[in-house]
Amino acid sequence: MSRRTGRSRGGPRGRFVGGLRTRLVVAFVVVALLSAVTSTALAYRDARTAVLQRTQNAAVDDLRERVTAVAADFDVPPDQRSLSRFAAKVSDGIGGRIVVARYQDLVAVSDSLADTEGRIGTGLRTAVRTGSEALFQRVTWRGEPYLVVGMPVTYADGDHRTSGLEVFSITDLRAERDDTAALLDSVRSGVVPVVLLAAVLALLAARTVLRPVRELGRATRELAAGDLGSRVAVTGHDELADLARTFNDTADALQASDAELREQEAKARRFVADVSHELRTPLAAMTMVATVLEEDADQLPPDAARAARTVGAETARLSRLVEDLMEISRFDAGAVRLNAAETDLAEAVRASLALRGWTDRVRTDLAEGVRARVDRRRVDVIVANLVGNALRHGAPPVTVTLRTSVAADGEWVTLEVADHGPGLPPGAGDRVFDRFYKADAARTRGAADDSGQGSGLGTAIALENARLHGGTIDAGAGPEGGAVFTLRLPLRRTDDRPADDRPADDRPTDDRRTDDRPTGEDAE
């Protein structure tokens, strides 16, 4: 498992911090703005109501007191002159407000130039005529606000009988309107500082909340990248502190489990390597004995001859299995290196087929002049495994096609091995490269089976060799049936070879086999 030496400062962290911080600030500002607007609206409503209520009460009380005082010396029915004097006296006593006095068809206005018809509504007139109490109404005339108060004049005999005389006063409300507007402007101007203060508080709160969240996110990314020693500092006793403690406990458990698994994996690799190494010497002796028995099999009785051939085949199969296990252990230990050189790939494929006597059994369509820096022995292993599987488990004709292609990620060489057999079982495409996987369980060999069934390691070794070159192998179905295995390798030439392709004498070596038979030749 790789360990990361640094961390990215953009990407998920930038999106996380920016997004959460923005949401916190916006939430704070919206709440503050709504609070300020609500407070402003309530304050304006209450202030306006209080101002208008005070003005209305004063206008009603003033009119009632003045009318009572003036009406004591007024005779009913009046004439136009006496009615005008009545209106003037009432107006003088209430601060010069416009007063309208009505008695049946007679109308007198304290200000003869004032237009009162548009300011005294019909509804208010009807209510005053039929009622016995003072009434008021706010009206807008020519865009300006006014308060109209009306009341009937009653006789002083205590029966509250109306005399038919009606009095109306008109009060200008522009001063009150201006006062409430000034109050509204004052409150509205205070919204901006409130919002700015809310934004500052939101930034401080977001910083306090996001600091442990950022640290937890950093540690999580480092843990995901392979740094199992990543931890976060635990401060405080809130929910974030509990989350940090839980993360640290989880990381501790994961690190302990990883260490145990690594130790077990290392022991398993050493065990396989040691067992394979210890088996090589007795297998070499057994191989020599089996070879002698096979050479003399024709001179033995039939049962003994069959037993000798069986022993020889099984010994050879066991030797290949040991070699395959040792090769797999080298891959697991990371001890395998490329011995790359400039190679004609078409010539290498033909040589691999000729070495095994497959030239007449395999059709080839090889593009000429395709040269790349590859480890020829490992390419031979891949070809031997793929073609051997096609011949063993497929049906003729088996075709090998070599092509080059250009993609967005560079130039590639493609080697395709196809057969016309039954193909891979459903779901086997993803597992065919697993170690010891047998695509057909019914073909598991018995003790005396000499069918050439392999160990199930060949395709796994082929895939490891392809990955060592920076390539891959895919398995699928052909358009006309059968199985198709496709090897893709980057087309590296001398001028763009990777840093790992150093000269052979500058690289560490291992105890790889040097014989001509490729590892994993009998794979499934």
Protein backbone atom coordinates (compact mmCIF):
# COMPACT_ATOMS: atom_id res chain seq x y z
CA MET A 1 0.00 0.00 0.00
CA SER A 2 1.52 3.29 -1.08
CA ARG A 3 1.93 6.23 1.28
CA ARG A 4 1.20 9.75 0.14
CA THR A 5 3.88 12.33 0.87
CA GLY A 6 1.73 15.41 0.27
CA ARG A 7 -1.83 16.49 -0.14
CA SER A 8 -3.68 18.42 -2.77
CA ARG A 9 -4.77 21.90 -1.77
CA GLY A 10 -7.56 22.08 -4.31
CA GLY A 11 -10.27 19.73 -5.45
CA PRO A 12 -12.50 18.27 -2.74
CA ARG A 13 -11.14 20.50 0.02
CA GLY A 14 -11.77 23.70 -1.95
CA ARG A 15 -15.27 22.63 -2.89
CA PHE A 16 -16.07 21.45 0.66
CA VAL A 17 -14.76 24.53 2.48
CA GLY A 18 -16.10 27.02 -0.03
CA GLY A 19 -19.51 25.37 -0.25
CA LEU A 20 -20.09 24.89 3.48
CA ARG A 21 -18.65 28.27 4.41
CA THR A 22 -20.80 29.98 1.80
CA ARG A 23 -23.92 28.22 3.04
CA LEU A 24 -23.19 29.17 6.64
CA VAL A 25 -22.57 32.83 5.79
CA VAL A 26 -25.64 33.01 3.54
CA ALA A 27 -27.78 31.40 6.25
CA PHE A 28 -26.55 33.87 8.87
CA VAL A 29 -27.07 36.86 6.57
CA VAL A 30 -30.52 35.72 5.47
CA VAL A 31 -31.62 35.19 9.06
CA ALA A 32 -30.24 38.58 10.07
CA LEU A 33 -31.85 40.26 7.06
CA LEU A 34 -35.21 38.66 7.74
CA SER A 35 -34.99 39.64 11.40
CA ALA A 36 -34.08 43.22 10.53
CA VAL A 37 -36.83 43.52 7.92
CA THR A 38 -39.39 42.02 10.28
CA SER A 39 -38.31 44.31 13.09
CA THR A 40 -38.45 47.32 10.78
CA ALA A 41 -41.92 46.44 9.55
CA LEU A 42 -43.23 45.91 13.07
CA ALA A 43 -41.63 49.09 14.36
CA TYR A 44 -43.02 51.12 11.46
CA ARG A 45 -46.50 49.68 11.94
CA ASP A 46 -46.52 50.32 15.68
CA ALA A 47 -45.08 53.82 15.35
CA ARG A 48 -47.50 54.77 12.59
CA THR A 49 -50.43 53.39 14.57
CA ALA A 50 -49.37 55.26 17.71
CA VAL A 51 -48.93 58.58 15.87
CA LEU A 52 -52.23 58.30 14.04
CA GLN A 53 -54.04 57.15 17.17
CA ARG A 54 -52.78 60.12 19.12
CA THR A 55 -53.75 62.54 16.36
CA GLN A 56 -57.20 60.97 15.99
CA ASN A 57 -57.93 61.09 19.71
CA ALA A 58 -56.80 64.70 19.95
CA ALA A 59 -58.88 65.73 16.93
CA VAL A 60 -62.02 64.02 18.28
CA ASP A 61 -61.62 65.43 21.79
CA ASP A 62 -60.87 68.94 20.56
CA LEU A 63 -63.83 68.98 18.22
CA ARG A 64 -66.22 67.60 20.83
CA GLU A 65 -65.17 70.13 23.49
CA ARG A 66 -65.25 73.09 21.11
CA VAL A 67 -68.61 72.19 19.62
CA THR A 68 -70.11 71.75 23.10
CA ALA A 69 -68.85 75.17 24.13
CA VAL A 70 -69.96 77.02 20.98
CA ALA A 71 -73.31 75.20 20.60
CA ALA A 72 -74.49 76.44 24.03
CA ASP A 73 -75.19 79.91 22.57
CA PHE A 74 -76.38 78.72 19.17
CA ASP A 75 -80.05 78.86 18.20
CA VAL A 76 -81.71 76.29 15.98
CA PRO A 77 -82.82 76.60 13.27
CA PRO A 78 -79.94 78.83 12.07
CA ASP A 79 -79.63 81.01 9.02
CA GLN A 80 -76.65 81.06 6.70
CA ARG A 81 -74.95 83.91 8.53
CA SER A 82 -75.25 82.38 11.99
CA LEU A 83 -74.12 79.00 10.65
CA SER A 84 -71.01 80.59 9.14
CA ARG A 85 -70.19 82.30 12.45
CA PHE A 86 -70.65 78.96 14.20
CA ALA A 87 -68.18 77.25 11.85
CA ALA A 88 -65.65 80.07 12.27
CA LYS A 89 -65.82 79.98 16.07
CA VAL A 90 -65.33 76.21 16.15
CA SER A 91 -62.37 76.48 13.75
CA ASP A 92 -60.74 79.18 15.85
CA GLY A 93 -60.98 77.01 18.96
CA ILE A 94 -59.29 73.94 17.43
CA GLY A 95 -56.22 75.49 15.92
CA GLY A 96 -57.58 76.82 12.66
CA ARG A 97 -58.59 73.47 11.19
CA ILE A 98 -61.15 73.56 8.40
CA VAL A 99 -64.63 73.19 9.88
CA VAL A 100 -67.79 72.44 7.93
CA ALA A 101 -71.21 73.03 9.58
CA ARG A 102 -74.32 71.58 7.98
CA TYR A 103 -77.96 72.10 8.88
CA GLN A 104 -80.36 70.47 6.48
CA ASP A 105 -79.70 72.30 3.19
CA LEU A 106 -77.46 74.98 4.70
CA VAL A 107 -73.65 74.48 4.57
CA ALA A 108 -71.02 76.78 6.06
CA VAL A 109 -67.20 76.39 5.75
CA SER A 110 -64.73 78.16 7.99
CA ASP A 111 -62.40 78.60 5.01
CA SER A 112 -64.46 79.72 2.06
CA LEU A 113 -61.66 78.84 -0.36
CA ALA A 114 -61.31 75.26 0.81
CA ASP A 115 -62.68 72.38 -1.29
CA THR A 116 -64.39 70.15 1.21
CA GLU A 117 -66.58 68.06 -1.06
CA GLY A 118 -63.72 65.75 -2.03
CA ARG A 119 -62.53 65.31 1.52
CA ILE A 120 -65.76 64.51 3.36
CA GLY A 121 -67.06 61.20 2.12
CA THR A 122 -70.69 60.29 1.68
CA GLY A 123 -70.36 57.37 4.03
CA LEU A 124 -69.09 59.53 6.87
CA ARG A 125 -71.92 62.04 6.29
CA THR A 126 -74.54 59.32 6.45
CA ALA A 127 -73.03 57.83 9.61
CA VAL A 128 -72.96 61.21 11.36
CA ARG A 129 -76.52 62.02 10.34
CA THR A 130 -77.88 58.75 11.68
CA GLY A 131 -75.62 58.43 14.70
CA SER A 132 -75.10 60.26 17.97
CA GLU A 133 -71.33 59.91 18.54
CA ALA A 134 -68.25 61.51 17.03
CA LEU A 135 -66.81 59.53 14.10
CA PHE A 136 -63.60 59.87 12.10
CA GLN A 137 -62.26 58.75 8.75
CA ARG A 138 -58.78 58.96 7.12
CA VAL A 139 -58.91 59.95 3.47
CA THR A 140 -56.41 60.72 0.73
CA TRP A 141 -57.24 63.76 -1.34
CA ARG A 142 -55.05 64.81 -4.24
CA GLY A 143 -52.31 62.52 -2.96
CA GLU A 144 -52.25 63.97 0.55
CA PRO A 145 -53.56 62.34 3.75
CA TYR A 146 -56.30 63.95 5.87
CA LEU A 147 -58.27 63.07 8.96
CA VAL A 148 -61.97 63.98 8.88
CA VAL A 149 -63.90 63.99 12.18
CA GLY A 150 -67.70 64.39 12.20
CA MET A 151 -70.26 64.58 14.95
CA PRO A 152 -73.92 65.57 15.38
CA VAL A 153 -74.86 68.38 17.77
CA THR A 154 -77.38 67.30 20.42
CA TYR A 155 -79.65 69.26 22.70
CA ALA A 156 -78.50 69.94 26.23
CA ASP A 157 -81.56 68.36 27.85
CA GLY A 158 -79.74 65.09 28.60
CA ASP A 159 -81.76 62.98 26.14
CA HIS A 160 -79.05 63.14 23.46
CA ARG A 161 -81.55 64.26 20.90
CA THR A 162 -79.91 65.47 17.70
CA SER A 163 -80.61 68.98 16.65
CA GLY A 164 -80.01 68.38 12.95
CA LEU A 165 -76.77 70.36 13.12
CA GLU A 166 -73.70 68.42 11.92
CA VAL A 167 -70.10 69.53 12.34
CA PHE A 168 -67.02 68.19 10.47
CA SER A 169 -63.35 69.10 11.00
CA ILE A 170 -60.60 68.37 8.48
CA THR A 171 -57.07 67.82 9.87
CA ASP A 172 -53.95 67.69 7.65
CA LEU A 173 -51.90 64.50 8.35
CA ARG A 174 -48.84 65.38 6.27
CA ALA A 175 -46.77 66.13 9.37
CA GLU A 176 -47.59 62.73 10.85
CA ARG A 177 -46.83 61.07 7.55
CA ASP A 178 -43.43 62.76 7.39
CA ASP A 179 -42.66 61.75 10.96
CA THR A 180 -43.41 58.07 10.34
CA ALA A 181 -41.46 58.16 7.06
CA ALA A 182 -38.44 59.61 8.84
CA LEU A 183 -38.71 56.87 11.44
CA LEU A 184 -38.87 54.24 8.70
CA ASP A 185 -35.76 55.65 7.00
CA SER A 186 -33.92 55.63 10.29
CA VAL A 187 -34.77 52.01 10.99
CA ARG A 188 -34.04 50.97 7.40
CA SER A 189 -30.59 52.56 7.52
CA GLY A 190 -29.80 50.33 10.49
CA VAL A 191 -30.37 47.17 8.45
CA VAL A 192 -27.04 47.45 6.60
CA PRO A 193 -24.88 47.45 9.76
CA VAL A 194 -26.90 44.55 11.11
CA VAL A 195 -26.33 42.51 7.96
CA LEU A 196 -22.61 43.30 7.90
CA LEU A 197 -22.31 42.35 11.55
CA ALA A 198 -24.16 39.11 10.84
CA ALA A 199 -21.75 38.33 7.98
CA VAL A 200 -18.74 38.88 10.24
CA LEU A 201 -20.22 36.68 12.94
CA ALA A 202 -21.04 34.05 10.32
CA LEU A 203 -17.43 34.02 9.08
CA LEU A 204 -16.16 33.60 12.63
CA ALA A 205 -18.65 30.82 13.32
CA ALA A 206 -17.85 29.10 10.03
CA ARG A 207 -14.14 29.25 10.79
CA THR A 208 -14.71 27.72 14.22
CA VAL A 209 -16.89 24.95 12.82
CA LEU A 210 -14.89 24.25 9.68
CA ARG A 211 -11.44 24.00 11.27
CA PRO A 212 -12.03 20.55 12.80
CA VAL A 213 -14.03 19.50 9.74
CA ARG A 214 -11.12 20.44 7.46
CA GLU A 215 -8.69 18.53 9.65
CA LEU A 216 -10.96 15.50 9.59
CA GLY A 217 -11.27 15.74 5.81
CA ARG A 218 -7.48 16.00 5.43
CA ALA A 219 -6.91 12.96 7.63
CA THR A 220 -9.58 11.00 5.76
CA ARG A 221 -7.98 11.73 2.38
CA GLU A 222 -4.56 10.76 3.68
CA LEU A 223 -6.00 7.57 5.11
CA ALA A 224 -7.67 6.78 1.76
CA ALA A 225 -4.33 7.42 0.00
CA GLY A 226 -2.60 4.82 2.17
CA ASP A 227 -1.23 6.82 5.09
CA LEU A 228 -2.65 4.71 7.90
CA GLY A 229 -0.80 6.78 10.49
CA SER A 230 -2.89 9.87 9.78
CA ARG A 231 -4.76 11.17 12.85
CA VAL A 232 -6.65 14.28 13.92
CA ALA A 233 -6.22 16.28 17.12
CA VAL A 234 -9.13 15.99 19.56
CA THR A 235 -10.09 19.26 21.23
CA GLY A 236 -13.15 19.99 23.32
CA HIS A 237 -16.06 17.78 24.27
CA ASP A 238 -18.63 18.54 21.59
CA GLU A 239 -19.96 16.38 18.75
CA LEU A 240 -17.01 17.20 16.48
CA ALA A 241 -14.61 16.04 19.20
CA ASP A 242 -16.55 12.77 19.47
CA LEU A 243 -16.33 12.39 15.70
CA ALA A 244 -12.57 12.98 15.78
CA ARG A 245 -12.14 10.37 18.53
CA THR A 246 -14.20 7.88 16.55
CA PHE A 247 -12.08 8.53 13.46
CA ASN A 248 -8.86 8.00 15.39
CA ASP A 249 -10.17 4.75 16.89
CA THR A 250 -11.19 3.56 13.43
CA ALA A 251 -7.78 4.46 12.00
CA ASP A 252 -6.04 2.62 14.86
CA ALA A 253 -8.10 -0.51 14.22
CA LEU A 254 -7.49 -0.26 10.47
CA GLN A 255 -3.75 0.19 10.95
CA ALA A 256 -3.56 -2.79 13.29
CA SER A 257 -5.56 -4.92 10.86
CA ASP A 258 -3.40 -3.81 7.94
CA ALA A 259 -0.22 -4.66 9.82
CA GLU A 260 -1.58 -8.11 10.65
CA LEU A 261 -2.64 -8.73 7.05
CA ARG A 262 0.74 -7.58 5.74
CA GLU A 263 2.51 -9.93 8.10
CA GLN A 264 0.28 -12.83 7.11
CA GLU A 265 0.72 -12.02 3.43
CA ALA A 266 4.50 -11.86 3.81
CA LYS A 267 4.49 -15.22 5.61
CA ALA A 268 2.33 -16.75 2.87
CA ARG A 269 4.68 -15.46 0.15
CA ARG A 270 7.72 -16.77 1.99
CA PHE A 271 6.02 -20.10 2.50
CA VAL A 272 5.19 -20.49 -1.19
CA ALA A 273 8.66 -19.40 -2.24
CA ASP A 274 10.36 -21.68 0.27
CA VAL A 275 8.22 -24.68 -0.62
CA SER A 276 8.72 -24.12 -4.33
CA HIS A 277 12.47 -23.73 -3.88
CA GLU A 278 12.72 -26.87 -1.75
CA LEU A 279 10.74 -28.86 -4.33
CA ARG A 280 13.04 -27.97 -7.22
CA THR A 281 15.86 -30.37 -6.26
CA PRO A 282 13.74 -33.50 -5.71
CA LEU A 283 11.67 -32.62 -8.78
CA ALA A 284 14.82 -32.44 -10.87
CA ALA A 285 15.74 -35.97 -9.76
CA MET A 286 12.19 -37.20 -10.36
CA THR A 287 12.20 -35.64 -13.82
CA MET A 288 15.38 -37.48 -14.77
CA VAL A 289 13.95 -40.78 -13.50
CA ALA A 290 10.64 -40.18 -15.28
CA THR A 291 12.48 -39.38 -18.52
CA VAL A 292 14.38 -42.66 -18.34
CA LEU A 293 11.17 -44.58 -17.64
CA GLU A 294 9.39 -42.93 -20.58
CA GLU A 295 12.26 -43.76 -22.92
CA ASP A 296 12.03 -47.42 -21.91
CA ALA A 297 8.22 -47.54 -21.76
CA ASP A 298 7.94 -49.46 -25.06
CA GLN A 299 9.95 -52.31 -23.52
CA LEU A 300 7.73 -52.58 -20.42
CA PRO A 301 4.48 -54.49 -19.98
CA PRO A 302 1.37 -52.45 -20.97
CA ASP A 303 0.36 -51.61 -17.40
CA ALA A 304 3.90 -50.61 -16.42
CA ALA A 305 4.31 -48.57 -19.63
CA ARG A 306 1.09 -46.65 -18.95
CA ALA A 307 2.19 -46.02 -15.37
CA ALA A 308 5.61 -44.79 -16.54
CA ARG A 309 4.04 -42.35 -19.01
CA THR A 310 1.61 -41.13 -16.35
CA VAL A 311 4.44 -40.55 -13.89
CA GLY A 312 6.38 -38.62 -16.52
CA ALA A 313 3.41 -36.41 -17.43
CA GLU A 314 2.53 -35.70 -13.81
CA THR A 315 6.15 -34.95 -12.92
CA ALA A 316 6.41 -32.49 -15.80
CA ARG A 317 3.13 -30.87 -14.75
CA LEU A 318 4.34 -30.62 -11.14
CA SER A 319 7.59 -29.03 -12.32
CA ARG A 320 5.65 -26.42 -14.29
CA LEU A 321 3.45 -25.73 -11.29
CA VAL A 322 6.50 -25.16 -9.07
CA GLU A 323 8.02 -22.82 -11.63
CA ASP A 324 4.73 -20.94 -11.91
CA LEU A 325 4.47 -20.57 -8.15
CA MET A 326 8.02 -19.21 -7.97
CA GLU A 327 7.25 -16.73 -10.74
CA ILE A 328 4.07 -15.58 -8.97
CA SER A 329 6.02 -15.16 -5.73
CA ARG A 330 8.53 -12.94 -7.56
CA PHE A 331 5.69 -10.71 -8.76
CA ASP A 332 4.21 -10.54 -5.27
CA ALA A 333 7.59 -9.65 -3.78
CA GLY A 334 8.17 -6.91 -6.38
CA ALA A 335 11.43 -8.56 -7.44
CA VAL A 336 10.58 -8.68 -11.15
CA ARG A 337 12.16 -6.18 -13.53
CA LEU A 338 11.94 -5.65 -17.27
CA ASN A 339 14.91 -6.58 -19.43
CA ALA A 340 13.68 -4.36 -22.25
CA ALA A 341 15.25 -4.09 -25.66
CA GLU A 342 14.21 -2.94 -29.12
CA THR A 343 12.18 -5.84 -30.52
CA ASP A 344 10.40 -6.66 -33.75
CA LEU A 345 7.09 -7.83 -32.33
CA ALA A 346 5.93 -9.72 -35.42
CA GLU A 347 9.19 -11.68 -35.54
CA ALA A 348 8.93 -12.35 -31.78
CA VAL A 349 5.40 -13.79 -32.16
CA ARG A 350 6.49 -16.02 -35.06
CA ALA A 351 9.47 -17.26 -33.08
CA SER A 352 7.27 -18.08 -30.08
CA LEU A 353 4.89 -20.12 -32.27
CA ALA A 354 7.74 -21.91 -34.06
CA LEU A 355 9.46 -22.83 -30.80
CA ARG A 356 6.38 -24.81 -29.75
CA GLY A 357 5.53 -26.27 -33.14
CA TRP A 358 2.33 -24.24 -33.46
CA THR A 359 3.09 -22.57 -36.79
CA ASP A 360 0.89 -24.93 -38.79
CA ARG A 361 -1.94 -24.83 -36.23
CA VAL A 362 -2.29 -21.07 -35.90
CA ARG A 363 -3.25 -18.46 -38.48
CA THR A 364 -1.34 -15.19 -38.20
CA ASP A 365 -2.05 -11.68 -39.40
CA LEU A 366 0.94 -9.72 -38.15
CA ALA A 367 1.65 -6.12 -39.10
CA GLU A 368 5.27 -5.88 -40.19
CA GLY A 369 7.76 -3.34 -38.92
CA VAL A 370 6.18 -2.92 -35.47
CA ARG A 371 9.13 -2.35 -33.16
CA ALA A 372 9.00 -1.47 -29.48
CA ARG A 373 11.06 -1.73 -26.33
CA VAL A 374 9.79 -4.86 -24.54
CA ASP A 375 11.15 -7.77 -22.55
CA ARG A 376 11.13 -10.43 -25.25
CA ARG A 377 11.13 -13.37 -22.83
CA ARG A 378 8.05 -12.00 -21.04
CA VAL A 379 6.25 -11.30 -24.32
CA ASP A 380 7.00 -14.92 -25.24
CA VAL A 381 5.37 -16.01 -21.94
CA ILE A 382 2.24 -14.01 -22.75
CA VAL A 383 1.97 -15.37 -26.31
CA ALA A 384 2.57 -18.96 -25.15
CA ASN A 385 -0.17 -18.73 -22.51
CA LEU A 386 -2.79 -17.09 -24.71
CA VAL A 387 -2.20 -19.26 -27.79
CA GLY A 388 -1.78 -22.42 -25.69
CA ASN A 389 -5.14 -21.83 -24.00
CA ALA A 390 -6.81 -21.20 -27.35
CA LEU A 391 -5.43 -24.45 -28.80
CA ARG A 392 -6.22 -26.47 -25.69
CA HIS A 393 -9.72 -25.22 -24.86
CA GLY A 394 -10.94 -23.64 -28.08
CA ALA A 395 -11.50 -24.95 -31.58
CA PRO A 396 -9.71 -24.21 -34.85
CA PRO A 397 -9.03 -21.98 -36.51
CA VAL A 398 -6.97 -20.09 -33.93
CA THR A 399 -5.88 -16.68 -35.20
CA VAL A 400 -3.25 -14.25 -33.91
CA THR A 401 -3.54 -10.63 -35.06
CA LEU A 402 -0.96 -7.89 -34.44
CA ARG A 403 -1.92 -4.27 -35.00
CA THR A 404 -0.98 -0.77 -33.84
CA SER A 405 -3.41 1.99 -32.90
CA VAL A 406 -3.32 5.61 -31.81
CA ALA A 407 -5.46 6.78 -28.90
CA ALA A 408 -5.71 9.90 -26.78
CA ASP A 409 -3.22 8.41 -24.31
CA GLY A 410 -0.59 7.51 -26.95
CA GLU A 411 0.32 4.75 -29.38
CA TRP A 412 -0.52 1.14 -28.55
CA VAL A 413 0.24 -2.28 -29.98
CA THR A 414 -2.59 -4.82 -29.87
CA LEU A 415 -2.15 -8.59 -30.01
CA GLU A 416 -5.42 -10.47 -30.38
CA VAL A 417 -5.72 -14.26 -29.95
CA ALA A 418 -9.09 -15.69 -31.02
CA ASP A 419 -10.50 -19.20 -31.35
CA HIS A 420 -13.79 -20.66 -32.52
CA GLY A 421 -14.54 -22.87 -29.56
CA PRO A 422 -17.41 -22.73 -27.06
CA GLY A 423 -16.07 -19.50 -25.58
CA LEU A 424 -15.96 -18.48 -21.95
CA PRO A 425 -18.83 -19.39 -19.61
CA PRO A 426 -21.09 -16.51 -18.51
CA GLY A 427 -19.37 -14.41 -15.86
CA ALA A 428 -15.94 -15.96 -16.48
CA GLY A 429 -14.55 -12.89 -18.26
CA ASP A 430 -13.90 -11.08 -14.97
CA ARG A 431 -12.42 -14.12 -13.22
CA VAL A 432 -10.38 -15.79 -15.95
CA PHE A 433 -7.24 -14.02 -14.74
CA ASP A 434 -7.68 -15.10 -11.11
CA ARG A 435 -5.06 -17.48 -9.77
CA PHE A 436 -6.02 -21.15 -9.91
CA TYR A 437 -9.31 -20.31 -11.61
CA LYS A 438 -10.67 -23.11 -13.81
CA ALA A 439 -13.28 -21.95 -16.32
CA ASP A 440 -14.71 -25.46 -16.65
CA ALA A 441 -14.97 -27.25 -13.32
CA ALA A 442 -16.14 -30.42 -15.03
CA ARG A 443 -12.72 -30.78 -16.70
CA THR A 444 -10.78 -31.06 -13.46
CA ARG A 445 -8.34 -33.83 -14.11
CA GLY A 446 -8.15 -37.08 -12.20
CA ALA A 447 -5.12 -38.93 -10.97
CA ALA A 448 -4.42 -40.58 -14.30
CA ASP A 449 -5.53 -37.73 -16.57
CA ASP A 450 -2.93 -36.73 -19.17
CA SER A 451 -5.04 -34.24 -21.01
CA GLY A 452 -2.65 -31.37 -20.41
CA GLN A 453 -4.89 -29.54 -17.99
CA GLY A 454 -2.91 -26.65 -16.46
CA SER A 455 -2.54 -25.22 -12.99
CA GLY A 456 -4.69 -22.14 -13.51
CA LEU A 457 -1.75 -19.75 -13.03
CA GLY A 458 -0.85 -19.08 -16.65
CA THR A 459 -3.31 -16.28 -17.40
CA ALA A 460 -2.49 -14.65 -14.06
CA ILE A 461 1.23 -14.69 -14.94
CA ALA A 462 0.46 -13.38 -18.43
CA LEU A 463 -1.52 -10.48 -16.98
CA GLU A 464 1.28 -9.64 -14.52
CA ASN A 465 3.78 -9.55 -17.37
CA ALA A 466 1.46 -7.28 -19.38
CA ARG A 467 1.08 -4.92 -16.42
CA LEU A 468 4.85 -4.91 -15.99
CA HIS A 469 5.02 -3.40 -19.50
CA GLY A 470 2.31 -0.87 -18.64
CA GLY A 471 -0.34 -2.78 -20.56
CA THR A 472 -3.26 -5.10 -19.90
CA ILE A 473 -5.12 -8.16 -21.17
CA ASP A 474 -8.86 -8.32 -21.77
CA ALA A 475 -11.00 -11.44 -22.27
CA GLY A 476 -14.26 -11.52 -24.17
CA ALA A 477 -16.36 -13.26 -26.80
CA GLY A 478 -15.68 -13.10 -30.52
CA PRO A 479 -18.26 -11.87 -33.04
CA GLU A 480 -18.55 -15.41 -34.47
CA GLY A 481 -18.25 -17.27 -31.19
CA GLY A 482 -15.24 -18.46 -29.30
CA ALA A 483 -13.02 -16.61 -26.85
CA VAL A 484 -10.90 -13.57 -27.66
CA PHE A 485 -7.94 -12.48 -25.51
CA THR A 486 -6.55 -9.03 -26.35
CA LEU A 487 -3.11 -7.87 -25.20
CA ARG A 488 -2.53 -4.09 -25.24
CA LEU A 489 0.98 -2.72 -24.72
CA PRO A 490 2.21 0.87 -25.01
CA LEU A 491 4.31 1.29 -28.14
CA ARG A 492 7.49 2.53 -26.49
CA ARG A 493 10.48 3.08 -28.70
CA THR A 494 14.12 3.79 -27.96
CA ASP A 495 13.65 7.55 -27.75
CA ASP A 496 10.78 7.39 -25.24
CA ARG A 497 11.64 4.41 -23.05
CA PRO A 498 10.61 4.64 -19.38
CA ALA A 499 13.10 5.27 -16.59
CA ASP A 500 12.79 1.65 -15.46
CA ASP A 501 14.21 0.41 -18.78
CA ARG A 502 17.82 0.83 -17.76
CA PRO A 503 20.57 -1.30 -19.29
CA ALA A 504 20.54 -4.83 -17.95
CA ASP A 505 23.86 -4.49 -16.14
CA ASP A 506 22.56 -1.46 -14.19
CA ARG A 507 19.50 -3.23 -12.74
CA PRO A 508 19.14 -5.79 -9.99
CA THR A 509 18.66 -9.34 -11.20
CA ASP A 510 16.71 -12.25 -9.77
CA ASP A 511 16.78 -16.00 -10.14
CA ARG A 512 14.45 -16.10 -13.15
CA ARG A 513 14.64 -19.14 -15.34
CA THR A 514 16.75 -18.87 -18.45
CA ASP A 515 15.46 -21.92 -20.26
CA ASP A 516 13.44 -21.55 -23.45
CA ARG A 517 10.19 -22.90 -22.01
CA PRO A 518 8.01 -19.95 -20.81
CA THR A 519 6.56 -19.80 -17.33
CA GLY A 520 2.82 -20.50 -17.12
CA GLU A 521 2.62 -22.18 -20.51
CA ASP A 522 -0.09 -24.55 -19.31
CA ALA A 523 -2.39 -21.91 -17.76
CA GLU A 524 -6.16 -21.85 -17.87
